[in-house]
């Protein structure tokens, strides 16, 4: 926040012609931003879970939602809304607890689906998955047909999950106010620079998560074992609840 305040104090008047972000700063920003995007977090956990349990298109829809969430944070930083949220205990707490509640809700939903999957596993013979793999390997059973295309409503459902997971994360507000300003030109208007760096961050998000969803969706058939899906639902459920509790304990400063 101190770095952003200094930038705002020294920002050039609108009428003065100034240079934007230097090429050196951009070349430094891109790899550091890429590492930031690739760090495991709620976005990564959500897209990995959806891609493995539901499929590639669903995971890529969630990835697009995450990218739009970054766009929302970019717009908020440009308009000064992020600074207001970060400085206000009330508004930061509201965003923090809403985001934490959403992550915990995702975790509870995963655990509920895991319980339903557990009941299904109990009803099936223990050797059912092994027999299915044997039949497929020896041509005794046809491989399942390709999954039907997503309807607009289904695509929107997974897109919304990705968008809300990112947009309701107050830590992204802090990142935009502490990480991005380090690469900005203090003698140029801040709004266009937030737009430029935020756009790069959003593009890096798509470049990482869309191929990730594709790869996980391609290998998904390896993990179609019902016991694995039960384990994955439970594991991701606890992960989302842990992320939610950690977010609820986060501080604005």
Protein backbone atom coordinates (compact mmCIF):
# COMPACT_ATOMS: atom_id res chain seq x y z
CA UNK A 1 0.00 0.00 0.00
CA UNK A 2 2.84 2.42 0.77
CA UNK A 3 4.28 1.84 -2.71
CA UNK A 4 0.90 2.56 -4.32
CA UNK A 5 0.46 5.72 -2.24
CA UNK A 6 3.86 6.97 -3.41
CA UNK A 7 2.92 6.22 -7.01
CA UNK A 8 -0.33 8.15 -6.69
CA UNK A 9 1.51 11.10 -5.15
CA UNK A 10 4.00 11.28 -8.01
CA UNK A 11 1.66 10.32 -10.84
CA UNK A 12 1.89 12.71 -13.77
CA UNK A 13 -0.92 15.15 -14.52
CA UNK A 14 -3.23 13.99 -17.29
CA UNK A 15 -2.02 16.67 -19.71
CA UNK A 16 1.67 15.79 -19.58
CA UNK A 17 3.02 13.30 -22.11
CA UNK A 18 4.81 10.45 -20.34
CA UNK A 19 6.15 7.04 -21.16
CA UNK A 20 4.25 4.00 -19.94
CA UNK A 21 5.73 0.86 -18.36
CA UNK A 22 9.29 0.27 -19.55
CA UNK A 23 10.24 -2.82 -21.50
CA UNK A 24 12.66 -3.81 -18.73
CA UNK A 25 9.86 -3.76 -16.16
CA UNK A 26 7.59 -5.77 -18.44
CA UNK A 27 10.28 -8.41 -19.01
CA UNK A 28 10.68 -8.65 -15.24
CA UNK A 29 6.94 -8.65 -14.56
CA UNK A 30 5.93 -11.45 -16.94
CA UNK A 31 7.96 -14.33 -15.40
CA UNK A 32 7.17 -13.20 -11.85
CA UNK A 33 3.46 -12.92 -12.67
CA UNK A 34 3.58 -16.36 -14.32
CA UNK A 35 5.01 -17.85 -11.13
CA UNK A 36 2.30 -16.10 -9.13
CA UNK A 37 -0.43 -17.55 -11.38
CA UNK A 38 1.04 -21.07 -11.19
CA UNK A 39 1.20 -21.14 -7.39
CA UNK A 40 -1.33 -23.66 -5.99
CA UNK A 41 -4.37 -21.96 -4.54
CA UNK A 42 -8.19 -22.00 -4.72
CA UNK A 43 -8.19 -21.34 -8.50
CA UNK A 44 -5.80 -24.23 -9.17
CA UNK A 45 -7.71 -26.60 -6.87
CA UNK A 46 -11.04 -25.74 -8.50
CA UNK A 47 -9.87 -26.19 -12.08
CA UNK A 48 -7.99 -29.43 -11.29
CA UNK A 49 -11.05 -30.86 -9.52
CA UNK A 50 -13.49 -29.91 -12.28
CA UNK A 51 -11.19 -31.16 -15.06
CA UNK A 52 -10.61 -34.55 -13.40
CA UNK A 53 -14.20 -35.14 -12.28
CA UNK A 54 -16.21 -33.45 -15.03
CA UNK A 55 -13.96 -33.09 -18.08
CA UNK A 56 -11.85 -30.76 -20.20
CA UNK A 57 -14.53 -28.29 -21.45
CA UNK A 58 -15.84 -27.83 -17.93
CA UNK A 59 -12.36 -27.10 -16.59
CA UNK A 60 -11.66 -24.63 -19.39
CA UNK A 61 -14.96 -22.86 -18.68
CA UNK A 62 -13.84 -22.43 -15.06
CA UNK A 63 -10.46 -21.13 -16.31
CA UNK A 64 -12.25 -18.44 -18.35
CA UNK A 65 -14.18 -17.49 -15.24
CA UNK A 66 -10.95 -17.09 -13.27
CA UNK A 67 -9.55 -14.86 -16.03
CA UNK A 68 -12.64 -12.65 -15.90
CA UNK A 69 -12.25 -12.46 -12.11
CA UNK A 70 -8.78 -11.00 -12.68
CA UNK A 71 -10.40 -8.52 -15.04
CA UNK A 72 -12.75 -7.43 -12.27
CA UNK A 73 -9.81 -6.88 -9.90
CA UNK A 74 -8.05 -4.91 -12.65
CA UNK A 75 -11.07 -2.65 -13.11
CA UNK A 76 -11.42 -2.18 -9.35
CA UNK A 77 -7.74 -1.19 -9.08
CA UNK A 78 -8.09 1.28 -11.98
CA UNK A 79 -11.10 2.95 -10.37
CA UNK A 80 -9.50 3.08 -6.93
CA UNK A 81 -12.07 0.68 -5.46
CA UNK A 82 -9.38 -1.82 -4.45
CA UNK A 83 -7.55 0.84 -2.42
CA UNK A 84 -10.79 1.71 -0.60
CA UNK A 85 -11.44 -1.96 0.19
CA UNK A 86 -7.89 -2.56 1.39
CA UNK A 87 -7.96 0.51 3.66
CA UNK A 88 -11.45 -0.16 5.06
CA UNK A 89 -11.67 -2.83 7.76
CA UNK A 90 -15.42 -3.12 7.12
CA UNK A 91 -15.31 -3.60 3.35
CA UNK A 92 -12.27 -5.86 3.45
CA UNK A 93 -13.96 -8.01 6.10
CA UNK A 94 -17.18 -8.24 4.06
CA UNK A 95 -15.30 -9.38 0.96
CA UNK A 96 -13.13 -11.71 3.04
CA UNK A 97 -16.02 -13.47 4.77
CA UNK A 98 -18.14 -13.73 1.62
CA UNK A 99 -15.17 -15.27 -0.21
CA UNK A 100 -14.43 -17.61 2.70
CA UNK A 101 -18.08 -18.68 2.90
CA UNK A 102 -18.11 -19.46 -0.83
CA UNK A 103 -14.97 -21.62 -0.59
CA UNK A 104 -16.36 -23.47 2.43
CA UNK A 105 -19.64 -23.99 0.54
CA UNK A 106 -17.66 -25.49 -2.38
CA UNK A 107 -15.93 -27.80 0.10
CA UNK A 108 -19.21 -28.92 1.66
CA UNK A 109 -20.68 -29.57 -1.79
CA UNK A 110 -17.66 -31.73 -2.69
CA UNK A 111 -18.01 -33.69 0.56
CA UNK A 112 -21.72 -34.21 -0.09
CA UNK A 113 -20.98 -35.52 -3.58
CA UNK A 114 -18.28 -37.72 -2.06
CA UNK A 115 -20.82 -39.20 0.34
CA UNK A 116 -23.17 -39.94 -2.58
CA UNK A 117 -20.27 -41.54 -4.48
CA UNK A 118 -19.43 -43.58 -1.38
CA UNK A 119 -22.94 -44.99 -1.29
CA UNK A 120 -22.66 -45.89 -4.98
CA UNK A 121 -19.34 -47.66 -4.38
CA UNK A 122 -20.87 -49.73 -1.59
CA UNK A 123 -23.68 -50.87 -3.87
CA UNK A 124 -21.26 -51.97 -6.60
CA UNK A 125 -19.24 -55.16 -6.30
CA UNK A 126 -15.68 -54.48 -5.11
CA UNK A 127 -14.22 -55.95 -8.29
CA UNK A 128 -16.45 -53.94 -10.64
CA UNK A 129 -13.80 -51.40 -11.64
CA UNK A 130 -11.20 -54.13 -12.21
CA UNK A 131 -13.62 -56.16 -14.34
CA UNK A 132 -14.43 -53.07 -16.42
CA UNK A 133 -10.75 -52.36 -17.06
CA UNK A 134 -10.17 -56.01 -18.01
CA UNK A 135 -13.11 -56.03 -20.43
CA UNK A 136 -11.94 -52.82 -22.10
CA UNK A 137 -8.39 -54.13 -22.44
CA UNK A 138 -9.54 -57.36 -24.15
CA UNK A 139 -12.15 -55.80 -26.40
CA UNK A 140 -15.06 -57.34 -24.50
CA UNK A 141 -16.56 -53.93 -23.89
CA UNK A 142 -16.69 -50.84 -26.06
CA UNK A 143 -15.10 -47.67 -24.81
CA UNK A 144 -17.60 -45.09 -23.60
CA UNK A 145 -18.78 -42.66 -26.23
CA UNK A 146 -17.38 -39.16 -26.18
CA UNK A 147 -19.15 -36.88 -23.74
CA UNK A 148 -21.81 -34.66 -25.32
CA UNK A 149 -21.05 -31.00 -25.89
CA UNK A 150 -21.71 -28.63 -23.01
CA UNK A 151 -24.94 -26.69 -23.14
CA UNK A 152 -24.76 -22.96 -22.57
CA UNK A 153 -26.28 -23.41 -19.13
CA UNK A 154 -23.73 -26.05 -18.13
CA UNK A 155 -20.82 -23.94 -19.43
CA UNK A 156 -22.08 -20.94 -17.49
CA UNK A 157 -22.32 -23.01 -14.29
CA UNK A 158 -18.62 -23.95 -14.37
CA UNK A 159 -17.63 -20.47 -15.60
CA UNK A 160 -19.45 -18.96 -12.63
CA UNK A 161 -17.58 -21.18 -10.18
CA UNK A 162 -14.22 -20.02 -11.53
CA UNK A 163 -15.29 -16.38 -11.60
CA UNK A 164 -16.61 -16.30 -8.03
CA UNK A 165 -13.62 -18.21 -6.66
CA UNK A 166 -11.26 -15.53 -8.00
CA UNK A 167 -13.41 -12.39 -7.75
CA UNK A 168 -14.32 -13.00 -4.08
CA UNK A 169 -10.71 -13.51 -3.02
CA UNK A 170 -9.58 -10.39 -1.09
CA UNK A 171 -5.97 -11.53 -1.35
CA UNK A 172 -6.15 -10.62 -5.03
CA UNK A 173 -6.97 -7.06 -3.96
CA UNK A 174 -3.76 -6.93 -1.92
CA UNK A 175 -1.76 -8.39 -4.82
CA UNK A 176 -3.02 -5.70 -7.18
CA UNK A 177 -2.12 -2.96 -4.71
CA UNK A 178 1.30 -4.27 -3.64
CA UNK A 179 2.71 -6.44 -6.44
CA UNK A 180 1.65 -4.61 -9.60
CA UNK A 181 2.69 -1.07 -8.56
CA UNK A 182 6.32 -2.22 -8.24
CA UNK A 183 6.48 -2.42 -12.05
CA UNK A 184 4.68 0.84 -12.81
CA UNK A 185 6.03 4.17 -13.98
CA UNK A 186 5.36 6.74 -11.19
CA UNK A 187 5.39 9.54 -13.75
CA UNK A 188 2.58 8.09 -15.88
CA UNK A 189 -1.19 7.74 -15.24
CA UNK A 190 -1.86 4.67 -13.12
CA UNK A 191 -5.13 3.55 -14.73
CA UNK A 192 -3.71 2.46 -18.10
CA UNK A 193 -0.81 0.75 -16.33
CA UNK A 194 -3.18 -1.27 -14.15
CA UNK A 195 -5.06 -2.21 -17.33
CA UNK A 196 -1.86 -3.31 -19.08
CA UNK A 197 -0.48 -5.38 -16.20
CA UNK A 198 -3.90 -6.78 -15.30
CA UNK A 199 -4.44 -7.80 -18.93
CA UNK A 200 -1.10 -9.60 -18.94
CA UNK A 201 -2.01 -11.34 -15.69
CA UNK A 202 -5.37 -12.43 -17.12
CA UNK A 203 -3.70 -13.71 -20.31
CA UNK A 204 -1.13 -15.67 -18.27
CA UNK A 205 -4.00 -17.18 -16.32
CA UNK A 206 -5.58 -18.46 -19.54
CA UNK A 207 -2.21 -19.68 -20.88
CA UNK A 208 -1.73 -21.74 -17.71
CA UNK A 209 -5.19 -22.98 -16.76
CA UNK A 210 -6.67 -23.74 -20.21
CA UNK A 211 -3.83 -26.17 -21.14
CA UNK A 212 -3.91 -27.55 -17.59
CA UNK A 213 -7.61 -28.32 -17.96
CA UNK A 214 -6.91 -29.88 -21.37
CA UNK A 215 -4.17 -32.17 -20.00
CA UNK A 216 -6.16 -33.23 -16.94
CA UNK A 217 -9.24 -33.76 -19.11
CA UNK A 218 -7.25 -35.97 -21.49
CA UNK A 219 -5.95 -38.21 -18.69
CA UNK A 220 -9.27 -38.19 -16.88
CA UNK A 221 -10.22 -41.65 -18.13
CA UNK A 222 -7.27 -43.09 -16.19
CA UNK A 223 -8.89 -41.87 -12.97
CA UNK A 224 -12.46 -42.97 -13.69
CA UNK A 225 -12.13 -45.59 -10.98
CA UNK A 226 -15.02 -44.91 -8.58
CA UNK A 227 -12.78 -45.29 -5.52
CA UNK A 228 -10.41 -42.63 -6.87
CA UNK A 229 -13.27 -40.24 -7.60
CA UNK A 230 -14.57 -40.77 -4.07
CA UNK A 231 -11.12 -39.96 -2.67
CA UNK A 232 -10.75 -36.90 -4.91
CA UNK A 233 -14.15 -35.48 -3.92
CA UNK A 234 -13.31 -35.83 -0.25
CA UNK A 235 -9.77 -34.48 -0.64
CA UNK A 236 -10.83 -31.39 -2.59
CA UNK A 237 -13.70 -30.85 -0.17
CA UNK A 238 -11.30 -30.60 2.76
CA UNK A 239 -8.92 -28.46 0.66
CA UNK A 240 -11.63 -25.88 -0.11
CA UNK A 241 -12.75 -25.77 3.51
CA UNK A 242 -9.12 -25.24 4.58
CA UNK A 243 -8.73 -22.43 2.01
CA UNK A 244 -11.95 -20.86 3.29
CA UNK A 245 -10.86 -20.97 6.92
CA UNK A 246 -7.44 -19.58 6.02
CA UNK A 247 -9.06 -16.76 4.07
CA UNK A 248 -11.37 -15.94 6.96
CA UNK A 249 -8.31 -15.50 9.19
CA UNK A 250 -6.50 -13.22 6.69
CA UNK A 251 -5.62 -9.67 7.66
CA UNK A 252 -5.98 -6.60 5.45
CA UNK A 253 -2.56 -5.27 6.47
